[in-house]
């Protein structure tokens, strides 16, 4: 029901033998809290974690925080922040910070 505060969560995992895929294992999890700041249900706060192990590499992990706010019937704005630990291809011990701002339109 629109306007009610709710929380949804998920967890997934995967495994592939080295002979078939360079990504040998992955784990993802996250949660979404709706109607955090608005009584109308126009917003959602999402947090997640995704990690993947590539053959011969360390685990690459992304921790993400995202907020979505509905601007009227068709438009929304969604800032996103990601902290990436051990990005593949980066020098040892280097981490990355990624930010985006999505402006969306939905029919």
PDB file of N, CA and C in Angstrom:
ATOM      1  N   UNK A   1       0.835  -1.175   0.000  1.00  0.00           N
ATOM      2  CA  UNK A   1       0.000   0.000   0.000  1.00  0.00           C
ATOM      3  C   UNK A   1       0.884   1.244   0.000  1.00  0.00           C
ATOM      4  N   UNK A   2       0.563   2.206  -0.885  1.00  0.00           N
ATOM      5  CA  UNK A   2       1.385   3.403  -1.007  1.00  0.00           C
ATOM      6  C   UNK A   2       1.370   4.199   0.288  1.00  0.00           C
ATOM      7  N   UNK A   3       2.549   4.662   0.687  1.00  0.00           N
ATOM      8  CA  UNK A   3       2.663   5.469   1.878  1.00  0.00           C
ATOM      9  C   UNK A   3       3.052   4.701   3.118  1.00  0.00           C
ATOM     10  N   UNK A   4       2.902   3.400   3.115  1.00  0.00           N
ATOM     11  CA  UNK A   4       3.295   2.616   4.275  1.00  0.00           C
ATOM     12  C   UNK A   4       4.790   2.351   4.237  1.00  0.00           C
ATOM     13  N   UNK A   5       5.422   2.472   5.377  1.00  0.00           N
ATOM     14  CA  UNK A   5       6.847   2.157   5.466  1.00  0.00           C
ATOM     15  C   UNK A   5       7.025   0.660   5.345  1.00  0.00           C
ATOM     16  N   UNK A   6       7.982   0.261   4.508  1.00  0.00           N
ATOM     17  CA  UNK A   6       8.257  -1.168   4.349  1.00  0.00           C
ATOM     18  C   UNK A   6       9.741  -1.371   4.121  1.00  0.00           C
ATOM     19  N   UNK A   7      10.190  -2.577   4.397  1.00  0.00           N
ATOM     20  CA  UNK A   7      11.578  -2.940   4.148  1.00  0.00           C
ATOM     21  C   UNK A   7      11.599  -4.249   3.374  1.00  0.00           C
ATOM     22  N   UNK A   8      12.445  -4.302   2.364  1.00  0.00           N
ATOM     23  CA  UNK A   8      12.621  -5.499   1.547  1.00  0.00           C
ATOM     24  C   UNK A   8      14.106  -5.821   1.524  1.00  0.00           C
ATOM     25  N   UNK A   9      14.458  -7.086   1.543  1.00  0.00           N
ATOM     26  CA  UNK A   9      15.865  -7.486   1.543  1.00  0.00           C
ATOM     27  C   UNK A   9      16.065  -8.678   0.617  1.00  0.00           C
ATOM     28  N   UNK A  10      17.318  -8.857   0.176  1.00  0.00           N
ATOM     29  CA  UNK A  10      17.647 -10.006  -0.666  1.00  0.00           C
ATOM     30  C   UNK A  10      19.088 -10.442  -0.419  1.00  0.00           C
ATOM     31  N   UNK A  11      19.363 -11.697  -0.723  1.00  0.00           N
ATOM     32  CA  UNK A  11      20.711 -12.267  -0.688  1.00  0.00           C
ATOM     33  C   UNK A  11      20.805 -13.249  -1.851  1.00  0.00           C
ATOM     34  N   UNK A  12      21.885 -13.165  -2.624  1.00  0.00           N
ATOM     35  CA  UNK A  12      22.116 -14.133  -3.694  1.00  0.00           C
ATOM     36  C   UNK A  12      23.586 -14.543  -3.686  1.00  0.00           C
ATOM     37  N   UNK A  13      23.871 -15.655  -4.284  1.00  0.00           N
ATOM     38  CA  UNK A  13      25.247 -16.110  -4.403  1.00  0.00           C
ATOM     39  C   UNK A  13      25.412 -16.926  -5.660  1.00  0.00           C
ATOM     40  N   UNK A  14      26.649 -17.041  -6.107  1.00  0.00           N
ATOM     41  CA  UNK A  14      26.906 -17.826  -7.306  1.00  0.00           C
ATOM     42  C   UNK A  14      28.287 -18.434  -7.283  1.00  0.00           C
ATOM     43  N   UNK A  15      28.436 -19.519  -8.024  1.00  0.00           N
ATOM     44  CA  UNK A  15      29.720 -20.196  -8.143  1.00  0.00           C
ATOM     45  C   UNK A  15      29.835 -20.727  -9.561  1.00  0.00           C
ATOM     46  N   UNK A  16      31.037 -20.610 -10.139  1.00  0.00           N
ATOM     47  CA  UNK A  16      31.299 -21.176 -11.458  1.00  0.00           C
ATOM     48  C   UNK A  16      32.689 -21.814 -11.440  1.00  0.00           C
ATOM     49  N   UNK A  17      32.823 -23.004 -12.004  1.00  0.00           N
ATOM     50  CA  UNK A  17      34.152 -23.625 -12.081  1.00  0.00           C
ATOM     51  C   UNK A  17      35.104 -22.748 -12.900  1.00  0.00           C
ATOM     52  N   UNK A  18      36.358 -22.755 -12.548  1.00  0.00           N
ATOM     53  CA  UNK A  18      37.342 -21.921 -13.237  1.00  0.00           C
ATOM     54  C   UNK A  18      37.406 -22.210 -14.736  1.00  0.00           C
ATOM     55  N   UNK A  19      37.138 -23.405 -15.132  1.00  0.00           N
ATOM     56  CA  UNK A  19      37.228 -23.767 -16.549  1.00  0.00           C
ATOM     57  C   UNK A  19      36.134 -23.107 -17.387  1.00  0.00           C
ATOM     58  N   UNK A  20      35.051 -22.658 -16.759  1.00  0.00           N
ATOM     59  CA  UNK A  20      33.936 -22.116 -17.529  1.00  0.00           C
ATOM     60  C   UNK A  20      33.782 -20.603 -17.425  1.00  0.00           C
ATOM     61  N   UNK A  21      34.377 -19.972 -16.412  1.00  0.00           N
ATOM     62  CA  UNK A  21      34.138 -18.548 -16.216  1.00  0.00           C
ATOM     63  C   UNK A  21      35.292 -17.924 -15.445  1.00  0.00           C
ATOM     64  N   UNK A  22      35.631 -16.677 -15.771  1.00  0.00           N
ATOM     65  CA  UNK A  22      36.693 -15.971 -15.043  1.00  0.00           C
ATOM     66  C   UNK A  22      36.215 -15.540 -13.654  1.00  0.00           C
ATOM     67  N   UNK A  23      34.917 -15.286 -13.519  1.00  0.00           N
ATOM     68  CA  UNK A  23      34.339 -14.945 -12.209  1.00  0.00           C
ATOM     69  C   UNK A  23      33.939 -16.249 -11.533  1.00  0.00           C
ATOM     70  N   UNK A  24      34.693 -16.646 -10.516  1.00  0.00           N
ATOM     71  CA  UNK A  24      34.469 -17.961  -9.923  1.00  0.00           C
ATOM     72  C   UNK A  24      33.432 -17.967  -8.806  1.00  0.00           C
ATOM     73  N   UNK A  25      33.195 -16.814  -8.170  1.00  0.00           N
ATOM     74  CA  UNK A  25      32.204 -16.774  -7.086  1.00  0.00           C
ATOM     75  C   UNK A  25      31.692 -15.345  -6.922  1.00  0.00           C
ATOM     76  N   UNK A  26      30.465 -15.232  -6.443  1.00  0.00           N
ATOM     77  CA  UNK A  26      29.896 -13.903  -6.179  1.00  0.00           C
ATOM     78  C   UNK A  26      28.869 -13.995  -5.060  1.00  0.00           C
ATOM     79  N   UNK A  27      28.740 -12.903  -4.355  1.00  0.00           N
ATOM     80  CA  UNK A  27      27.732 -12.777  -3.302  1.00  0.00           C
ATOM     81  C   UNK A  27      27.173 -11.354  -3.387  1.00  0.00           C
ATOM     82  N   UNK A  28      25.857 -11.232  -3.339  1.00  0.00           N
ATOM     83  CA  UNK A  28      25.230  -9.921  -3.297  1.00  0.00           C
ATOM     84  C   UNK A  28      24.141  -9.926  -2.230  1.00  0.00           C
ATOM     85  N   UNK A  29      23.948  -8.791  -1.612  1.00  0.00           N
ATOM     86  CA  UNK A  29      22.859  -8.647  -0.649  1.00  0.00           C
ATOM     87  C   UNK A  29      22.492  -7.176  -0.565  1.00  0.00           C
ATOM     88  N   UNK A  30      21.285  -6.920  -0.118  1.00  0.00           N
ATOM     89  CA  UNK A  30      20.850  -5.539  -0.004  1.00  0.00           C
ATOM     90  C   UNK A  30      19.500  -5.425   0.662  1.00  0.00           C
ATOM     91  N   UNK A  31      19.144  -4.179   0.935  1.00  0.00           N
ATOM     92  CA  UNK A  31      17.854  -3.891   1.552  1.00  0.00           C
ATOM     93  C   UNK A  31      17.351  -2.543   1.069  1.00  0.00           C
ATOM     94  N   UNK A  32      16.034  -2.412   0.995  1.00  0.00           N
ATOM     95  CA  UNK A  32      15.386  -1.164   0.601  1.00  0.00           C
ATOM     96  C   UNK A  32      14.355  -0.791   1.650  1.00  0.00           C
ATOM     97  N   UNK A  33      14.401   0.450   2.076  1.00  0.00           N
ATOM     98  CA  UNK A  33      13.425   0.988   3.021  1.00  0.00           C
ATOM     99  C   UNK A  33      12.624   2.061   2.300  1.00  0.00           C
ATOM    100  N   UNK A  34      11.317   1.852   2.146  1.00  0.00           N
ATOM    101  CA  UNK A  34      10.475   2.834   1.466  1.00  0.00           C
ATOM    102  C   UNK A  34       9.761   3.720   2.478  1.00  0.00           C
ATOM    103  N   UNK A  35       9.365   4.888   2.020  1.00  0.00           N
ATOM    104  CA  UNK A  35       8.668   5.883   2.841  1.00  0.00           C
ATOM    105  C   UNK A  35       9.503   6.283   4.058  1.00  0.00           C
ATOM    106  N   UNK A  36      10.794   6.456   3.839  1.00  0.00           N
ATOM    107  CA  UNK A  36      11.682   6.831   4.931  1.00  0.00           C
ATOM    108  C   UNK A  36      11.419   8.258   5.397  1.00  0.00           C
ATOM    109  N   UNK A  37      11.349   9.188   4.451  1.00  0.00           N
ATOM    110  CA  UNK A  37      11.149  10.596   4.788  1.00  0.00           C
ATOM    111  C   UNK A  37       9.796  11.141   4.339  1.00  0.00           C
ATOM    112  N   UNK A  38       9.140  10.480   3.397  1.00  0.00           N
ATOM    113  CA  UNK A  38       7.859  10.984   2.901  1.00  0.00           C
ATOM    114  C   UNK A  38       6.721  10.061   3.317  1.00  0.00           C
ATOM    115  N   UNK A  39       5.616  10.631   3.673  1.00  0.00           N
ATOM    116  CA  UNK A  39       4.453   9.833   4.053  1.00  0.00           C
ATOM    117  C   UNK A  39       3.715   9.285   2.835  1.00  0.00           C
ATOM    118  N   UNK A  40       4.013   9.842   1.651  1.00  0.00           N
ATOM    119  CA  UNK A  40       3.310   9.423   0.441  1.00  0.00           C
ATOM    120  C   UNK A  40       3.936   8.201  -0.230  1.00  0.00           C
ATOM    121  N   UNK A  41       5.084   7.734   0.262  1.00  0.00           N
ATOM    122  CA  UNK A  41       5.754   6.609  -0.366  1.00  0.00           C
ATOM    123  C   UNK A  41       6.595   7.002  -1.557  1.00  0.00           C
ATOM    124  N   UNK A  42       6.943   8.294  -1.655  1.00  0.00           N
ATOM    125  CA  UNK A  42       7.669   8.805  -2.809  1.00  0.00           C
ATOM    126  C   UNK A  42       9.176   8.618  -2.712  1.00  0.00           C
ATOM    127  N   UNK A  43       9.665   8.005  -1.652  1.00  0.00           N
ATOM    128  CA  UNK A  43      11.113   7.861  -1.523  1.00  0.00           C
ATOM    129  C   UNK A  43      11.493   6.450  -1.084  1.00  0.00           C
ATOM    130  N   UNK A  44      12.758   6.111  -1.362  1.00  0.00           N
ATOM    131  CA  UNK A  44      13.298   4.809  -0.960  1.00  0.00           C
ATOM    132  C   UNK A  44      14.797   4.945  -0.733  1.00  0.00           C
ATOM    133  N   UNK A  45      15.276   4.366   0.346  1.00  0.00           N
ATOM    134  CA  UNK A  45      16.694   4.315   0.659  1.00  0.00           C
ATOM    135  C   UNK A  45      17.140   2.869   0.482  1.00  0.00           C
ATOM    136  N   UNK A  46      18.193   2.670  -0.310  1.00  0.00           N
ATOM    137  CA  UNK A  46      18.677   1.319  -0.609  1.00  0.00           C
ATOM    138  C   UNK A  46      20.142   1.204  -0.209  1.00  0.00           C
ATOM    139  N   UNK A  47      20.505   0.080   0.382  1.00  0.00           N
ATOM    140  CA  UNK A  47      21.895  -0.213   0.718  1.00  0.00           C
ATOM    141  C   UNK A  47      22.208  -1.607   0.210  1.00  0.00           C
ATOM    142  N   UNK A  48      23.406  -1.783  -0.311  1.00  0.00           N
ATOM    143  CA  UNK A  48      23.744  -3.093  -0.841  1.00  0.00           C
ATOM    144  C   UNK A  48      25.229  -3.368  -0.811  1.00  0.00           C
ATOM    145  N   UNK A  49      25.545  -4.622  -1.002  1.00  0.00           N
ATOM    146  CA  UNK A  49      26.920  -5.079  -1.065  1.00  0.00           C
ATOM    147  C   UNK A  49      27.004  -6.122  -2.172  1.00  0.00           C
ATOM    148  N   UNK A  50      27.993  -5.971  -3.026  1.00  0.00           N
ATOM    149  CA  UNK A  50      28.226  -6.958  -4.086  1.00  0.00           C
ATOM    150  C   UNK A  50      29.709  -7.285  -4.097  1.00  0.00           C
ATOM    151  N   UNK A  51      30.035  -8.553  -4.121  1.00  0.00           N
ATOM    152  CA  UNK A  51      31.430  -8.956  -4.150  1.00  0.00           C
ATOM    153  C   UNK A  51      31.608 -10.085  -5.157  1.00  0.00           C
ATOM    154  N   UNK A  52      32.712 -10.052  -5.878  1.00  0.00           N
ATOM    155  CA  UNK A  52      32.987 -11.061  -6.896  1.00  0.00           C
ATOM    156  C   UNK A  52      34.462 -11.467  -6.804  1.00  0.00           C
ATOM    157  N   UNK A  53      34.720 -12.739  -7.027  1.00  0.00           N
ATOM    158  CA  UNK A  53      36.089 -13.249  -7.049  1.00  0.00           C
ATOM    159  C   UNK A  53      36.417 -13.628  -8.483  1.00  0.00           C
ATOM    160  N   UNK A  54      37.452 -12.992  -9.023  1.00  0.00           N
ATOM    161  CA  UNK A  54      37.893 -13.312 -10.372  1.00  0.00           C
ATOM    162  C   UNK A  54      39.100 -14.223 -10.287  1.00  0.00           C
ATOM    163  N   UNK A  55      39.142 -15.187 -11.171  1.00  0.00           N
ATOM    164  CA  UNK A  55      40.212 -16.186 -11.179  1.00  0.00           C
ATOM    165  C   UNK A  55      41.585 -15.511 -11.122  1.00  0.00           C
ATOM    166  N   UNK A  56      42.372 -15.875 -10.130  1.00  0.00           N
ATOM    167  CA  UNK A  56      43.711 -15.331  -9.986  1.00  0.00           C
ATOM    168  C   UNK A  56      43.765 -13.950  -9.356  1.00  0.00           C
ATOM    169  N   UNK A  57      42.665 -13.412  -8.927  1.00  0.00           N
ATOM    170  CA  UNK A  57      42.595 -12.072  -8.340  1.00  0.00           C
ATOM    171  C   UNK A  57      42.020 -12.157  -6.933  1.00  0.00           C
ATOM    172  N   UNK A  58      42.015 -11.016  -6.258  1.00  0.00           N
ATOM    173  CA  UNK A  58      41.342 -10.933  -4.958  1.00  0.00           C
ATOM    174  C   UNK A  58      39.860 -10.660  -5.174  1.00  0.00           C
ATOM    175  N   UNK A  59      39.134 -10.642  -4.080  1.00  0.00           N
ATOM    176  CA  UNK A  59      37.719 -10.282  -4.131  1.00  0.00           C
ATOM    177  C   UNK A  59      37.593  -8.786  -4.395  1.00  0.00           C
ATOM    178  N   UNK A  60      36.735  -8.403  -5.332  1.00  0.00           N
ATOM    179  CA  UNK A  60      36.375  -6.998  -5.537  1.00  0.00           C
ATOM    180  C   UNK A  60      35.008  -6.803  -4.890  1.00  0.00           C
ATOM    181  N   UNK A  61      34.887  -5.793  -4.041  1.00  0.00           N
ATOM    182  CA  UNK A  61      33.656  -5.582  -3.290  1.00  0.00           C
ATOM    183  C   UNK A  61      33.175  -4.152  -3.457  1.00  0.00           C
ATOM    184  N   UNK A  62      31.895  -3.990  -3.715  1.00  0.00           N
ATOM    185  CA  UNK A  62      31.278  -2.669  -3.810  1.00  0.00           C
ATOM    186  C   UNK A  62      30.208  -2.542  -2.731  1.00  0.00           C
ATOM    187  N   UNK A  63      30.298  -1.476  -1.962  1.00  0.00           N
ATOM    188  CA  UNK A  63      29.296  -1.154  -0.948  1.00  0.00           C
ATOM    189  C   UNK A  63      28.555   0.069  -1.473  1.00  0.00           C
ATOM    190  N   UNK A  64      27.242  -0.039  -1.570  1.00  0.00           N
ATOM    191  CA  UNK A  64      26.471   0.996  -2.259  1.00  0.00           C
ATOM    192  C   UNK A  64      25.360   1.542  -1.370  1.00  0.00           C
ATOM    193  N   UNK A  65      25.154   2.845  -1.484  1.00  0.00           N
ATOM    194  CA  UNK A  65      24.041   3.523  -0.820  1.00  0.00           C
ATOM    195  C   UNK A  65      23.353   4.380  -1.868  1.00  0.00           C
ATOM    196  N   UNK A  66      22.043   4.213  -1.996  1.00  0.00           N
ATOM    197  CA  UNK A  66      21.280   4.873  -3.039  1.00  0.00           C
ATOM    198  C   UNK A  66      19.994   5.422  -2.436  1.00  0.00           C
ATOM    199  N   UNK A  67      19.584   6.594  -2.898  1.00  0.00           N
ATOM    200  CA  UNK A  67      18.320   7.178  -2.460  1.00  0.00           C
ATOM    201  C   UNK A  67      17.526   7.550  -3.703  1.00  0.00           C
ATOM    202  N   UNK A  68      16.248   7.299  -3.688  1.00  0.00           N
ATOM    203  CA  UNK A  68      15.396   7.634  -4.832  1.00  0.00           C
ATOM    204  C   UNK A  68      14.203   8.438  -4.333  1.00  0.00           C
ATOM    205  N   UNK A  69      13.948   9.554  -5.025  1.00  0.00           N
ATOM    206  CA  UNK A  69      12.801  10.383  -4.661  1.00  0.00           C
ATOM    207  C   UNK A  69      11.981  10.662  -5.917  1.00  0.00           C
ATOM    208  N   UNK A  70      10.707  10.369  -5.837  1.00  0.00           N
ATOM    209  CA  UNK A  70       9.788  10.572  -6.950  1.00  0.00           C
ATOM    210  C   UNK A  70       9.419  12.046  -7.038  1.00  0.00           C
ATOM    211  N   UNK A  71       9.637  12.644  -8.205  1.00  0.00           N
ATOM    212  CA  UNK A  71       9.308  14.051  -8.454  1.00  0.00           C
ATOM    213  C   UNK A  71       8.068  14.100  -9.339  1.00  0.00           C
ATOM    214  N   UNK A  72       6.939  14.065  -8.759  1.00  0.00           N
ATOM    215  CA  UNK A  72       5.711  14.035  -9.546  1.00  0.00           C
ATOM    216  C   UNK A  72       5.407  12.634 -10.043  1.00  0.00           C
ATOM    217  N   UNK A  73       4.533  12.575 -11.043  1.00  0.00           N
ATOM    218  CA  UNK A  73       4.055  11.279 -11.519  1.00  0.00           C
ATOM    219  C   UNK A  73       5.079  10.509 -12.355  1.00  0.00           C
ATOM    220  N   UNK A  74       5.891  11.199 -13.155  1.00  0.00           N
ATOM    221  CA  UNK A  74       6.745  10.526 -14.119  1.00  0.00           C
ATOM    222  C   UNK A  74       8.250  10.625 -13.853  1.00  0.00           C
ATOM    223  N   UNK A  75       8.697  11.579 -13.078  1.00  0.00           N
ATOM    224  CA  UNK A  75      10.130  11.842 -12.922  1.00  0.00           C
ATOM    225  C   UNK A  75      10.631  11.454 -11.534  1.00  0.00           C
ATOM    226  N   UNK A  76      11.905  11.076 -11.472  1.00  0.00           N
ATOM    227  CA  UNK A  76      12.533  10.799 -10.186  1.00  0.00           C
ATOM    228  C   UNK A  76      13.996  11.239 -10.230  1.00  0.00           C
ATOM    229  N   UNK A  77      14.566  11.439  -9.072  1.00  0.00           N
ATOM    230  CA  UNK A  77      15.986  11.743  -8.920  1.00  0.00           C
ATOM    231  C   UNK A  77      16.574  10.693  -7.985  1.00  0.00           C
ATOM    232  N   UNK A  78      17.808  10.250  -8.291  1.00  0.00           N
ATOM    233  CA  UNK A  78      18.392   9.161  -7.516  1.00  0.00           C
ATOM    234  C   UNK A  78      19.917   9.328  -7.403  1.00  0.00           C
ATOM    235  N   UNK A  79      20.397   9.919  -6.306  1.00  0.00           N
ATOM    236  CA  UNK A  79      21.848   9.948  -6.085  1.00  0.00           C
ATOM    237  C   UNK A  79      22.333   8.587  -5.597  1.00  0.00           C
ATOM    238  N   UNK A  80      23.570   8.256  -5.955  1.00  0.00           N
ATOM    239  CA  UNK A  80      24.139   6.949  -5.638  1.00  0.00           C
ATOM    240  C   UNK A  80      25.599   7.127  -5.223  1.00  0.00           C
ATOM    241  N   UNK A  81      26.012   6.387  -4.214  1.00  0.00           N
ATOM    242  CA  UNK A  81      27.378   6.434  -3.716  1.00  0.00           C
ATOM    243  C   UNK A  81      27.894   4.998  -3.588  1.00  0.00           C
ATOM    244  N   UNK A  82      29.064   4.724  -4.168  1.00  0.00           N
ATOM    245  CA  UNK A  82      29.638   3.380  -4.097  1.00  0.00           C
ATOM    246  C   UNK A  82      31.091   3.463  -3.629  1.00  0.00           C
ATOM    247  N   UNK A  83      31.449   2.644  -2.664  1.00  0.00           N
ATOM    248  CA  UNK A  83      32.823   2.494  -2.193  1.00  0.00           C
ATOM    249  C   UNK A  83      33.273   1.126  -2.690  1.00  0.00           C
ATOM    250  N   UNK A  84      34.319   1.106  -3.535  1.00  0.00           N
ATOM    251  CA  UNK A  84      34.768  -0.130  -4.163  1.00  0.00           C
ATOM    252  C   UNK A  84      36.116  -0.527  -3.569  1.00  0.00           C
ATOM    253  N   UNK A  85      36.154  -1.695  -2.953  1.00  0.00           N
ATOM    254  CA  UNK A  85      37.364  -2.217  -2.328  1.00  0.00           C
ATOM    255  C   UNK A  85      38.057  -3.166  -3.287  1.00  0.00           C
ATOM    256  N   UNK A  86      39.343  -3.014  -3.455  1.00  0.00           N
ATOM    257  CA  UNK A  86      40.153  -3.847  -4.349  1.00  0.00           C
ATOM    258  C   UNK A  86      39.621  -3.888  -5.780  1.00  0.00           C
ATOM    259  N   UNK A  87      39.418  -2.717  -6.416  1.00  0.00           N
ATOM    260  CA  UNK A  87      38.929  -2.765  -7.800  1.00  0.00           C
ATOM    261  C   UNK A  87      39.921  -3.513  -8.689  1.00  0.00           C
ATOM    262  N   UNK A  88      39.409  -4.418  -9.486  1.00  0.00           N
ATOM    263  CA  UNK A  88      40.262  -5.192 -10.388  1.00  0.00           C
ATOM    264  C   UNK A  88      40.937  -4.219 -11.350  1.00  0.00           C
ATOM    265  N   UNK A  89      42.219  -4.358 -11.509  1.00  0.00           N
ATOM    266  CA  UNK A  89      42.966  -3.482 -12.404  1.00  0.00           C
ATOM    267  C   UNK A  89      43.620  -2.313 -11.689  1.00  0.00           C
ATOM    268  N   UNK A  90      43.255  -2.059 -10.441  1.00  0.00           N
ATOM    269  CA  UNK A  90      43.871  -0.970  -9.679  1.00  0.00           C
ATOM    270  C   UNK A  90      45.096  -1.506  -8.943  1.00  0.00           C
ATOM    271  N   UNK A  91      46.059  -0.634  -8.632  1.00  0.00           N
ATOM    272  CA  UNK A  91      47.218  -1.087  -7.852  1.00  0.00           C
ATOM    273  C   UNK A  91      46.786  -1.658  -6.499  1.00  0.00           C
ATOM    274  N   UNK A  92      47.585  -2.567  -5.977  1.00  0.00           N
ATOM    275  CA  UNK A  92      47.296  -3.222  -4.692  1.00  0.00           C
ATOM    276  C   UNK A  92      47.002  -2.194  -3.607  1.00  0.00           C
ATOM    277  N   UNK A  93      45.937  -2.422  -2.851  1.00  0.00           N
ATOM    278  CA  UNK A  93      45.596  -1.560  -1.731  1.00  0.00           C
ATOM    279  C   UNK A  93      44.836  -0.297  -2.096  1.00  0.00           C
ATOM    280  N   UNK A  94      44.599  -0.052  -3.378  1.00  0.00           N
ATOM    281  CA  UNK A  94      43.849   1.138  -3.796  1.00  0.00           C
ATOM    282  C   UNK A  94      42.361   0.823  -3.820  1.00  0.00           C
ATOM    283  N   UNK A  95      41.578   1.771  -3.383  1.00  0.00           N
ATOM    284  CA  UNK A  95      40.125   1.637  -3.409  1.00  0.00           C
ATOM    285  C   UNK A  95      39.559   2.777  -4.239  1.00  0.00           C
ATOM    286  N   UNK A  96      38.275   2.717  -4.560  1.00  0.00           N
ATOM    287  CA  UNK A  96      37.669   3.734  -5.412  1.00  0.00           C
ATOM    288  C   UNK A  96      36.346   4.203  -4.817  1.00  0.00           C
ATOM    289  N   UNK A  97      36.014   5.434  -5.102  1.00  0.00           N
ATOM    290  CA  UNK A  97      34.735   6.013  -4.720  1.00  0.00           C
ATOM    291  C   UNK A  97      34.041   6.445  -6.006  1.00  0.00           C
ATOM    292  N   UNK A  98      32.815   5.994  -6.193  1.00  0.00           N
ATOM    293  CA  UNK A  98      32.050   6.349  -7.388  1.00  0.00           C
ATOM    294  C   UNK A  98      30.736   6.982  -6.961  1.00  0.00           C
ATOM    295  N   UNK A  99      30.382   8.074  -7.612  1.00  0.00           N
ATOM    296  CA  UNK A  99      29.109   8.726  -7.335  1.00  0.00           C
ATOM    297  C   UNK A  99      28.378   8.995  -8.638  1.00  0.00           C
ATOM    298  N   UNK A 100      27.068   8.900  -8.600  1.00  0.00           N
ATOM    299  CA  UNK A 100      26.255   9.243  -9.769  1.00  0.00           C
ATOM    300  C   UNK A 100      25.001   9.969  -9.296  1.00  0.00           C
ATOM    301  N   UNK A 101      24.399  10.676 -10.224  1.00  0.00           N
ATOM    302  CA  UNK A 101      23.098  11.289  -9.984  1.00  0.00           C
ATOM    303  C   UNK A 101      22.231  10.965 -11.194  1.00  0.00           C
ATOM    304  N   UNK A 102      21.245  10.129 -10.977  1.00  0.00           N
ATOM    305  CA  UNK A 102      20.361   9.704 -12.055  1.00  0.00           C
ATOM    306  C   UNK A 102      19.079  10.533 -12.012  1.00  0.00           C
ATOM    307  N   UNK A 103      18.725  11.080 -13.161  1.00  0.00           N
ATOM    308  CA  UNK A 103      17.437  11.738 -13.341  1.00  0.00           C
ATOM    309  C   UNK A 103      16.635  10.841 -14.252  1.00  0.00           C
ATOM    310  N   UNK A 104      15.499  10.350 -13.775  1.00  0.00           N
ATOM    311  CA  UNK A 104      14.765   9.354 -14.520  1.00  0.00           C
ATOM    312  C   UNK A 104      13.369   9.783 -14.925  1.00  0.00           C
ATOM    313  N   UNK A 105      12.875   9.102 -15.937  1.00  0.00           N
ATOM    314  CA  UNK A 105      11.532   9.311 -16.472  1.00  0.00           C
ATOM    315  C   UNK A 105      10.901   7.945 -16.657  1.00  0.00           C
ATOM    316  N   UNK A 106       9.727   7.731 -16.095  1.00  0.00           N
ATOM    317  CA  UNK A 106       9.009   6.472 -16.249  1.00  0.00           C
ATOM    318  C   UNK A 106       7.573   6.731 -16.672  1.00  0.00           C
ATOM    319  N   UNK A 107       7.124   5.959 -17.612  1.00  0.00           N
ATOM    320  CA  UNK A 107       5.716   6.080 -18.057  1.00  0.00           C
ATOM    321  C   UNK A 107       4.833   5.198 -17.219  1.00  0.00           C
TER     322      UNK A 107
END
